[in-house]
Structure formats: C-alpha cells, structure tokens
Amino acid sequence: MSNVFIAFQANQESRYIVEAIIEDNPGAIVDEQPAMVKVDVPNKMVIKRETIAEKMGRDFELQEMHMHLITLSGNVDEDDDQFVLEWKS
C-alpha cells in the first residue's frame, strides 16, 4: 500500500488540524517546511471534526479546513464529521 498525504499552509489553525491528525492516525509522519506542513499516513488518514474542535477549543466545521489546504493525495470521502483519505482499488 501507499501513503496518503495532505499539506496545509503553515499557520496557527493548521497547527491544530495537524495535531488532531497525529492524535487520530498512529504512524502519521509530519514534514514541516517554511510555508507549509505536510502529513503522510500509511494507507488511510481519518481527520475528525471532533478532535480538531477539541484542539481549537471551539466548534469547527470541516469545510473550514479547505481554507488552509494546499494539496492532498488519495481518494476523498467527506461528510460533516470526518474527512477520509485513502487509496481505493
């Protein structure tokens, strides 16, 4: 299997999103660059709205994540509560 990845602008809100991804995805690998942060996860990444909201200390809608998104790799399955990246056959 291959890694999936997502990259965000390097800013405070993205930092909370990345912290949530690390918490919910054991094996996540973070690559911080001057202007962006990229997270690779083997096989499947699950980004949970609830975990991000806990990190931010406020309500969070997953659509807000798109404002900070630079790029991603994998098939997307998204609803109001989670954003999933994985490679499907």
PDB file of N, CA and C in Angstrom:
ATOM      1  N   MET A   1       0.835  -1.188   0.000  1.00  0.00           N
ATOM      2  CA  MET A   1       0.000   0.000   0.000  1.00  0.00           C
ATOM      3  C   MET A   1       0.878   1.249   0.000  1.00  0.00           C
ATOM      4  N   SER A   2       0.270   2.350  -0.380  1.00  0.00           N
ATOM      5  CA  SER A   2       0.965   3.632  -0.462  1.00  0.00           C
ATOM      6  C   SER A   2       0.503   4.577   0.632  1.00  0.00           C
ATOM      7  N   ASN A   3       1.316   5.585   0.849  1.00  0.00           N
ATOM      8  CA  ASN A   3       0.910   6.637   1.770  1.00  0.00           C
ATOM      9  C   ASN A   3      -0.110   7.558   1.114  1.00  0.00           C
ATOM     10  N   VAL A   4      -0.971   8.120   1.918  1.00  0.00           N
ATOM     11  CA  VAL A   4      -1.781   9.257   1.512  1.00  0.00           C
ATOM     12  C   VAL A   4      -1.176  10.461   2.219  1.00  0.00           C
ATOM     13  N   PHE A   5      -1.414  11.654   1.677  1.00  0.00           N
ATOM     14  CA  PHE A   5      -0.886  12.831   2.365  1.00  0.00           C
ATOM     15  C   PHE A   5      -1.795  14.024   2.179  1.00  0.00           C
ATOM     16  N   ILE A   6      -1.599  14.991   3.065  1.00  0.00           N
ATOM     17  CA  ILE A   6      -2.297  16.259   2.995  1.00  0.00           C
ATOM     18  C   ILE A   6      -1.313  17.339   3.425  1.00  0.00           C
ATOM     19  N   ALA A   7      -1.390  18.495   2.783  1.00  0.00           N
ATOM     20  CA  ALA A   7      -0.492  19.602   3.116  1.00  0.00           C
ATOM     21  C   ALA A   7      -1.316  20.865   3.357  1.00  0.00           C
ATOM     22  N   PHE A   8      -0.914  21.599   4.385  1.00  0.00           N
ATOM     23  CA  PHE A   8      -1.595  22.825   4.784  1.00  0.00           C
ATOM     24  C   PHE A   8      -0.621  23.991   4.810  1.00  0.00           C
ATOM     25  N   GLN A   9      -1.163  25.202   4.707  1.00  0.00           N
ATOM     26  CA  GLN A   9      -0.376  26.401   4.945  1.00  0.00           C
ATOM     27  C   GLN A   9       0.122  26.346   6.391  1.00  0.00           C
ATOM     28  N   ALA A  10       1.289  26.877   6.618  1.00  0.00           N
ATOM     29  CA  ALA A  10       1.837  26.901   7.975  1.00  0.00           C
ATOM     30  C   ALA A  10       1.253  28.103   8.714  1.00  0.00           C
ATOM     31  N   ASN A  11       0.202  27.864   9.499  1.00  0.00           N
ATOM     32  CA  ASN A  11      -0.404  28.916  10.315  1.00  0.00           C
ATOM     33  C   ASN A  11      -0.975  28.289  11.590  1.00  0.00           C
ATOM     34  N   GLN A  12      -1.491  29.121  12.482  1.00  0.00           N
ATOM     35  CA  GLN A  12      -1.950  28.617  13.780  1.00  0.00           C
ATOM     36  C   GLN A  12      -3.102  27.631  13.651  1.00  0.00           C
ATOM     37  N   GLU A  13      -4.093  27.918  12.821  1.00  0.00           N
ATOM     38  CA  GLU A  13      -5.234  27.000  12.691  1.00  0.00           C
ATOM     39  C   GLU A  13      -4.794  25.662  12.116  1.00  0.00           C
ATOM     40  N   SER A  14      -3.898  25.697  11.156  1.00  0.00           N
ATOM     41  CA  SER A  14      -3.387  24.444  10.590  1.00  0.00           C
ATOM     42  C   SER A  14      -2.660  23.612  11.634  1.00  0.00           C
ATOM     43  N   ARG A  15      -1.989  24.280  12.547  1.00  0.00           N
ATOM     44  CA  ARG A  15      -1.261  23.566  13.607  1.00  0.00           C
ATOM     45  C   ARG A  15      -2.222  22.698  14.415  1.00  0.00           C
ATOM     46  N   TYR A  16      -3.413  23.229  14.734  1.00  0.00           N
ATOM     47  CA  TYR A  16      -4.407  22.446  15.471  1.00  0.00           C
ATOM     48  C   TYR A  16      -4.903  21.267  14.633  1.00  0.00           C
ATOM     49  N   ILE A  17      -5.101  21.496  13.357  1.00  0.00           N
ATOM     50  CA  ILE A  17      -5.560  20.421  12.468  1.00  0.00           C
ATOM     51  C   ILE A  17      -4.518  19.308  12.421  1.00  0.00           C
ATOM     52  N   VAL A  18      -3.263  19.677  12.276  1.00  0.00           N
ATOM     53  CA  VAL A  18      -2.178  18.686  12.222  1.00  0.00           C
ATOM     54  C   VAL A  18      -2.086  17.927  13.548  1.00  0.00           C
ATOM     55  N   GLU A  19      -2.209  18.627  14.671  1.00  0.00           N
ATOM     56  CA  GLU A  19      -2.191  17.944  15.974  1.00  0.00           C
ATOM     57  C   GLU A  19      -3.313  16.909  16.053  1.00  0.00           C
ATOM     58  N   ALA A  20      -4.487  17.249  15.540  1.00  0.00           N
ATOM     59  CA  ALA A  20      -5.618  16.314  15.545  1.00  0.00           C
ATOM     60  C   ALA A  20      -5.338  15.111  14.647  1.00  0.00           C
ATOM     61  N   ILE A  21      -4.746  15.351  13.485  1.00  0.00           N
ATOM     62  CA  ILE A  21      -4.415  14.251  12.571  1.00  0.00           C
ATOM     63  C   ILE A  21      -3.438  13.293  13.247  1.00  0.00           C
ATOM     64  N   ILE A  22      -2.423  13.831  13.896  1.00  0.00           N
ATOM     65  CA  ILE A  22      -1.422  12.995  14.583  1.00  0.00           C
ATOM     66  C   ILE A  22      -2.091  12.163  15.674  1.00  0.00           C
ATOM     67  N   GLU A  23      -2.986  12.775  16.426  1.00  0.00           N
ATOM     68  CA  GLU A  23      -3.669  12.059  17.507  1.00  0.00           C
ATOM     69  C   GLU A  23      -4.531  10.916  16.974  1.00  0.00           C
ATOM     70  N   ASP A  24      -5.222  11.142  15.868  1.00  0.00           N
ATOM     71  CA  ASP A  24      -6.170  10.155  15.348  1.00  0.00           C
ATOM     72  C   ASP A  24      -5.562   9.147  14.370  1.00  0.00           C
ATOM     73  N   ASN A  25      -4.308   9.354  13.978  1.00  0.00           N
ATOM     74  CA  ASN A  25      -3.683   8.484  12.984  1.00  0.00           C
ATOM     75  C   ASN A  25      -2.290   8.054  13.432  1.00  0.00           C
ATOM     76  N   PRO A  26      -2.211   6.948  14.189  1.00  0.00           N
ATOM     77  CA  PRO A  26      -0.893   6.439  14.582  1.00  0.00           C
ATOM     78  C   PRO A  26      -0.060   6.169  13.321  1.00  0.00           C
ATOM     79  N   GLY A  27       1.183   6.516  13.371  1.00  0.00           N
ATOM     80  CA  GLY A  27       2.042   6.318  12.208  1.00  0.00           C
ATOM     81  C   GLY A  27       2.115   7.526  11.296  1.00  0.00           C
ATOM     82  N   ALA A  28       1.423   8.610  11.649  1.00  0.00           N
ATOM     83  CA  ALA A  28       1.487   9.828  10.846  1.00  0.00           C
ATOM     84  C   ALA A  28       2.895  10.403  10.898  1.00  0.00           C
ATOM     85  N   ILE A  29       3.371  10.876   9.758  1.00  0.00           N
ATOM     86  CA  ILE A  29       4.699  11.471   9.644  1.00  0.00           C
ATOM     87  C   ILE A  29       4.527  12.923   9.224  1.00  0.00           C
ATOM     88  N   VAL A  30       5.051  13.841  10.025  1.00  0.00           N
ATOM     89  CA  VAL A  30       4.898  15.268   9.769  1.00  0.00           C
ATOM     90  C   VAL A  30       6.193  15.823   9.181  1.00  0.00           C
ATOM     91  N   ASP A  31       6.050  16.584   8.105  1.00  0.00           N
ATOM     92  CA  ASP A  31       7.173  17.244   7.447  1.00  0.00           C
ATOM     93  C   ASP A  31       6.876  18.747   7.434  1.00  0.00           C
ATOM     94  N   GLU A  32       7.550  19.487   8.315  1.00  0.00           N
ATOM     95  CA  GLU A  32       7.314  20.932   8.405  1.00  0.00           C
ATOM     96  C   GLU A  32       8.287  21.671   7.501  1.00  0.00           C
ATOM     97  N   GLN A  33       7.747  22.530   6.655  1.00  0.00           N
ATOM     98  CA  GLN A  33       8.517  23.371   5.749  1.00  0.00           C
ATOM     99  C   GLN A  33       8.289  24.828   6.156  1.00  0.00           C
ATOM    100  N   PRO A  34       9.036  25.771   5.592  1.00  0.00           N
ATOM    101  CA  PRO A  34       8.843  27.173   5.979  1.00  0.00           C
ATOM    102  C   PRO A  34       7.419  27.701   5.753  1.00  0.00           C
ATOM    103  N   ALA A  35       6.755  27.288   4.689  1.00  0.00           N
ATOM    104  CA  ALA A  35       5.434  27.843   4.390  1.00  0.00           C
ATOM    105  C   ALA A  35       4.307  26.814   4.456  1.00  0.00           C
ATOM    106  N   MET A  36       4.657  25.554   4.721  1.00  0.00           N
ATOM    107  CA  MET A  36       3.615  24.526   4.752  1.00  0.00           C
ATOM    108  C   MET A  36       4.000  23.400   5.690  1.00  0.00           C
ATOM    109  N   VAL A  37       2.997  22.598   6.020  1.00  0.00           N
ATOM    110  CA  VAL A  37       3.226  21.384   6.798  1.00  0.00           C
ATOM    111  C   VAL A  37       2.501  20.252   6.086  1.00  0.00           C
ATOM    112  N   LYS A  38       3.237  19.164   5.842  1.00  0.00           N
ATOM    113  CA  LYS A  38       2.709  18.011   5.118  1.00  0.00           C
ATOM    114  C   LYS A  38       2.633  16.836   6.085  1.00  0.00           C
ATOM    115  N   VAL A  39       1.529  16.091   5.999  1.00  0.00           N
ATOM    116  CA  VAL A  39       1.352  14.917   6.850  1.00  0.00           C
ATOM    117  C   VAL A  39       1.120  13.703   5.957  1.00  0.00           C
ATOM    118  N   ASP A  40       1.975  12.699   6.106  1.00  0.00           N
ATOM    119  CA  ASP A  40       1.838  11.422   5.392  1.00  0.00           C
ATOM    120  C   ASP A  40       1.333  10.380   6.378  1.00  0.00           C
ATOM    121  N   VAL A  41       0.444   9.517   5.903  1.00  0.00           N
ATOM    122  CA  VAL A  41      -0.056   8.410   6.708  1.00  0.00           C
ATOM    123  C   VAL A  41      -0.117   7.170   5.821  1.00  0.00           C
ATOM    124  N   PRO A  42       0.384   6.041   6.304  1.00  0.00           N
ATOM    125  CA  PRO A  42       0.276   4.814   5.515  1.00  0.00           C
ATOM    126  C   PRO A  42      -1.186   4.401   5.323  1.00  0.00           C
ATOM    127  N   ASN A  43      -1.550   4.130   4.100  1.00  0.00           N
ATOM    128  CA  ASN A  43      -2.836   3.530   3.710  1.00  0.00           C
ATOM    129  C   ASN A  43      -4.058   4.433   3.836  1.00  0.00           C
ATOM    130  N   LYS A  44      -4.361   4.946   5.023  1.00  0.00           N
ATOM    131  CA  LYS A  44      -5.621   5.668   5.239  1.00  0.00           C
ATOM    132  C   LYS A  44      -5.469   6.718   6.330  1.00  0.00           C
ATOM    133  N   MET A  45      -5.966   7.932   6.052  1.00  0.00           N
ATOM    134  CA  MET A  45      -5.949   9.027   7.021  1.00  0.00           C
ATOM    135  C   MET A  45      -7.390   9.424   7.326  1.00  0.00           C
ATOM    136  N   VAL A  46      -7.696   9.542   8.612  1.00  0.00           N
ATOM    137  CA  VAL A  46      -9.020   9.987   9.045  1.00  0.00           C
ATOM    138  C   VAL A  46      -8.839  11.279   9.832  1.00  0.00           C
ATOM    139  N   ILE A  47      -9.494  12.337   9.360  1.00  0.00           N
ATOM    140  CA  ILE A  47      -9.452  13.628  10.034  1.00  0.00           C
ATOM    141  C   ILE A  47     -10.827  13.845  10.650  1.00  0.00           C
ATOM    142  N   LYS A  48     -10.870  13.936  11.981  1.00  0.00           N
ATOM    143  CA  LYS A  48     -12.150  14.019  12.689  1.00  0.00           C
ATOM    144  C   LYS A  48     -12.448  15.444  13.139  1.00  0.00           C
ATOM    145  N   ARG A  49     -13.630  15.919  12.812  1.00  0.00           N
ATOM    146  CA  ARG A  49     -14.088  17.245  13.201  1.00  0.00           C
ATOM    147  C   ARG A  49     -14.009  17.420  14.722  1.00  0.00           C
ATOM    148  N   GLU A  50     -14.445  16.422  15.447  1.00  0.00           N
ATOM    149  CA  GLU A  50     -14.494  16.490  16.909  1.00  0.00           C
ATOM    150  C   GLU A  50     -13.102  16.697  17.515  1.00  0.00           C
ATOM    151  N   THR A  51     -12.107  15.992  16.994  1.00  0.00           N
ATOM    152  CA  THR A  51     -10.748  16.127  17.531  1.00  0.00           C
ATOM    153  C   THR A  51     -10.188  17.511  17.244  1.00  0.00           C
ATOM    154  N   ILE A  52     -10.441  18.026  16.041  1.00  0.00           N
ATOM    155  CA  ILE A  52      -9.970  19.380  15.709  1.00  0.00           C
ATOM    156  C   ILE A  52     -10.638  20.400  16.628  1.00  0.00           C
ATOM    157  N   ALA A  53     -11.938  20.261  16.841  1.00  0.00           N
ATOM    158  CA  ALA A  53     -12.671  21.189  17.721  1.00  0.00           C
ATOM    159  C   ALA A  53     -12.085  21.171  19.129  1.00  0.00           C
ATOM    160  N   GLU A  54     -11.732  19.988  19.629  1.00  0.00           N
ATOM    161  CA  GLU A  54     -11.111  19.892  20.954  1.00  0.00           C
ATOM    162  C   GLU A  54      -9.787  20.645  20.994  1.00  0.00           C
ATOM    163  N   LYS A  55      -8.977  20.473  19.961  1.00  0.00           N
ATOM    164  CA  LYS A  55      -7.670  21.146  19.909  1.00  0.00           C
ATOM    165  C   LYS A  55      -7.829  22.658  19.832  1.00  0.00           C
ATOM    166  N   MET A  56      -8.829  23.121  19.067  1.00  0.00           N
ATOM    167  CA  MET A  56      -9.041  24.561  18.887  1.00  0.00           C
ATOM    168  C   MET A  56      -9.782  25.196  20.053  1.00  0.00           C
ATOM    169  N   GLY A  57     -10.520  24.390  20.796  1.00  0.00           N
ATOM    170  CA  GLY A  57     -11.295  24.920  21.896  1.00  0.00           C
ATOM    171  C   GLY A  57     -12.548  25.656  21.452  1.00  0.00           C
ATOM    172  N   ARG A  58     -13.055  25.277  20.280  1.00  0.00           N
ATOM    173  CA  ARG A  58     -14.269  25.897  19.746  1.00  0.00           C
ATOM    174  C   ARG A  58     -14.914  24.948  18.744  1.00  0.00           C
ATOM    175  N   ASP A  59     -16.142  25.260  18.339  1.00  0.00           N
ATOM    176  CA  ASP A  59     -16.783  24.478  17.285  1.00  0.00           C
ATOM    177  C   ASP A  59     -15.964  24.602  16.008  1.00  0.00           C
ATOM    178  N   PHE A  60     -15.942  23.544  15.238  1.00  0.00           N
ATOM    179  CA  PHE A  60     -15.186  23.537  13.986  1.00  0.00           C
ATOM    180  C   PHE A  60     -15.980  22.771  12.951  1.00  0.00           C
ATOM    181  N   GLU A  61     -16.113  23.340  11.765  1.00  0.00           N
ATOM    182  CA  GLU A  61     -16.742  22.644  10.638  1.00  0.00           C
ATOM    183  C   GLU A  61     -15.640  22.243   9.677  1.00  0.00           C
ATOM    184  N   LEU A  62     -15.676  21.020   9.192  1.00  0.00           N
ATOM    185  CA  LEU A  62     -14.599  20.524   8.334  1.00  0.00           C
ATOM    186  C   LEU A  62     -14.385  21.368   7.087  1.00  0.00           C
ATOM    187  N   GLN A  63     -15.406  22.050   6.613  1.00  0.00           N
ATOM    188  CA  GLN A  63     -15.237  22.906   5.440  1.00  0.00           C
ATOM    189  C   GLN A  63     -14.203  24.011   5.691  1.00  0.00           C
ATOM    190  N   GLU A  64     -14.037  24.412   6.950  1.00  0.00           N
ATOM    191  CA  GLU A  64     -13.030  25.420   7.293  1.00  0.00           C
ATOM    192  C   GLU A  64     -11.624  24.943   6.945  1.00  0.00           C
ATOM    193  N   MET A  65     -11.412  23.647   6.992  1.00  0.00           N
ATOM    194  CA  MET A  65     -10.105  23.066   6.718  1.00  0.00           C
ATOM    195  C   MET A  65      -9.637  23.415   5.300  1.00  0.00           C
ATOM    196  N   HIS A  66     -10.560  23.531   4.375  1.00  0.00           N
ATOM    197  CA  HIS A  66     -10.216  23.793   2.974  1.00  0.00           C
ATOM    198  C   HIS A  66      -9.556  25.160   2.785  1.00  0.00           C
ATOM    199  N   MET A  67      -9.792  26.093   3.682  1.00  0.00           N
ATOM    200  CA  MET A  67      -9.167  27.417   3.578  1.00  0.00           C
ATOM    201  C   MET A  67      -7.656  27.342   3.791  1.00  0.00           C
ATOM    202  N   HIS A  68      -7.196  26.312   4.477  1.00  0.00           N
ATOM    203  CA  HIS A  68      -5.782  26.174   4.808  1.00  0.00           C
ATOM    204  C   HIS A  68      -5.093  25.098   3.973  1.00  0.00           C
ATOM    205  N   LEU A  69      -5.856  24.383   3.180  1.00  0.00           N
ATOM    206  CA  LEU A  69      -5.371  23.243   2.398  1.00  0.00           C
ATOM    207  C   LEU A  69      -4.562  23.700   1.186  1.00  0.00           C
ATOM    208  N   ILE A  70      -3.420  23.062   0.971  1.00  0.00           N
ATOM    209  CA  ILE A  70      -2.610  23.322  -0.216  1.00  0.00           C
ATOM    210  C   ILE A  70      -2.822  22.204  -1.236  1.00  0.00           C
ATOM    211  N   THR A  71      -2.641  20.961  -0.802  1.00  0.00           N
ATOM    212  CA  THR A  71      -2.789  19.825  -1.709  1.00  0.00           C
ATOM    213  C   THR A  71      -3.022  18.563  -0.896  1.00  0.00           C
ATOM    214  N   LEU A  72      -3.437  17.514  -1.589  1.00  0.00           N
ATOM    215  CA  LEU A  72      -3.629  16.217  -0.944  1.00  0.00           C
ATOM    216  C   LEU A  72      -3.440  15.114  -1.970  1.00  0.00           C
ATOM    217  N   SER A  73      -3.265  13.904  -1.479  1.00  0.00           N
ATOM    218  CA  SER A  73      -3.093  12.748  -2.340  1.00  0.00           C
ATOM    219  C   SER A  73      -3.881  11.583  -1.758  1.00  0.00           C
ATOM    220  N   GLY A  74      -4.808  11.056  -2.535  1.00  0.00           N
ATOM    221  CA  GLY A  74      -5.652   9.946  -2.116  1.00  0.00           C
ATOM    222  C   GLY A  74      -7.082  10.210  -2.527  1.00  0.00           C
ATOM    223  N   ASN A  75      -7.897   9.200  -2.448  1.00  0.00           N
ATOM    224  CA  ASN A  75      -9.324   9.349  -2.715  1.00  0.00           C
ATOM    225  C   ASN A  75      -9.988   9.938  -1.484  1.00  0.00           C
ATOM    226  N   VAL A  76     -10.878  10.898  -1.686  1.00  0.00           N
ATOM    227  CA  VAL A  76     -11.524  11.621  -0.595  1.00  0.00           C
ATOM    228  C   VAL A  76     -12.929  11.094  -0.359  1.00  0.00           C
ATOM    229  N   ASP A  77     -13.249  10.884   0.909  1.00  0.00           N
ATOM    230  CA  ASP A  77     -14.614  10.587   1.348  1.00  0.00           C
ATOM    231  C   ASP A  77     -14.873  11.522   2.522  1.00  0.00           C
ATOM    232  N   GLU A  78     -15.809  12.442   2.346  1.00  0.00           N
ATOM    233  CA  GLU A  78     -16.004  13.503   3.330  1.00  0.00           C
ATOM    234  C   GLU A  78     -17.473  13.613   3.721  1.00  0.00           C
ATOM    235  N   ASP A  79     -17.707  13.822   5.012  1.00  0.00           N
ATOM    236  CA  ASP A  79     -19.048  14.171   5.487  1.00  0.00           C
ATOM    237  C   ASP A  79     -18.883  15.242   6.560  1.00  0.00           C
ATOM    238  N   ASP A  80     -19.920  15.534   7.307  1.00  0.00           N
ATOM    239  CA  ASP A  80     -19.854  16.609   8.300  1.00  0.00           C
ATOM    240  C   ASP A  80     -18.930  16.294   9.478  1.00  0.00           C
ATOM    241  N   ASP A  81     -18.665  15.009   9.725  1.00  0.00           N
ATOM    242  CA  ASP A  81     -17.905  14.617  10.907  1.00  0.00           C
ATOM    243  C   ASP A  81     -16.486  14.153  10.650  1.00  0.00           C
ATOM    244  N   GLN A  82     -16.187  13.740   9.415  1.00  0.00           N
ATOM    245  CA  GLN A  82     -14.832  13.290   9.145  1.00  0.00           C
ATOM    246  C   GLN A  82     -14.476  13.439   7.678  1.00  0.00           C
ATOM    247  N   PHE A  83     -13.173  13.541   7.456  1.00  0.00           N
ATOM    248  CA  PHE A  83     -12.580  13.661   6.139  1.00  0.00           C
ATOM    249  C   PHE A  83     -11.604  12.501   6.017  1.00  0.00           C
ATOM    250  N   VAL A  84     -11.837  11.597   5.076  1.00  0.00           N
ATOM    251  CA  VAL A  84     -11.018  10.395   4.944  1.00  0.00           C
ATOM    252  C   VAL A  84     -10.268  10.435   3.632  1.00  0.00           C
ATOM    253  N   LEU A  85      -8.964  10.146   3.688  1.00  0.00           N
ATOM    254  CA  LEU A  85      -8.121   9.989   2.520  1.00  0.00           C
ATOM    255  C   LEU A  85      -7.626   8.555   2.488  1.00  0.00           C
ATOM    256  N   GLU A  86      -7.810   7.872   1.376  1.00  0.00           N
ATOM    257  CA  GLU A  86      -7.280   6.516   1.218  1.00  0.00           C
ATOM    258  C   GLU A  86      -7.199   6.191  -0.261  1.00  0.00           C
ATOM    259  N   TRP A  87      -6.415   5.208  -0.592  1.00  0.00           N
ATOM    260  CA  TRP A  87      -6.357   4.733  -1.965  1.00  0.00           C
ATOM    261  C   TRP A  87      -7.340   3.590  -2.115  1.00  0.00           C
ATOM    262  N   LYS A  88      -8.289   3.728  -3.030  1.00  0.00           N
ATOM    263  CA  LYS A  88      -9.275   2.681  -3.285  1.00  0.00           C
ATOM    264  C   LYS A  88      -8.925   2.012  -4.601  1.00  0.00           C
ATOM    265  N   SER A  89      -9.180   0.728  -4.666  1.00  0.00           N
ATOM    266  CA  SER A  89      -8.894  -0.034  -5.892  1.00  0.00           C
ATOM    267  C   SER A  89      -9.937   0.231  -6.941  1.00  0.00           C
TER     268      SER A  89
END
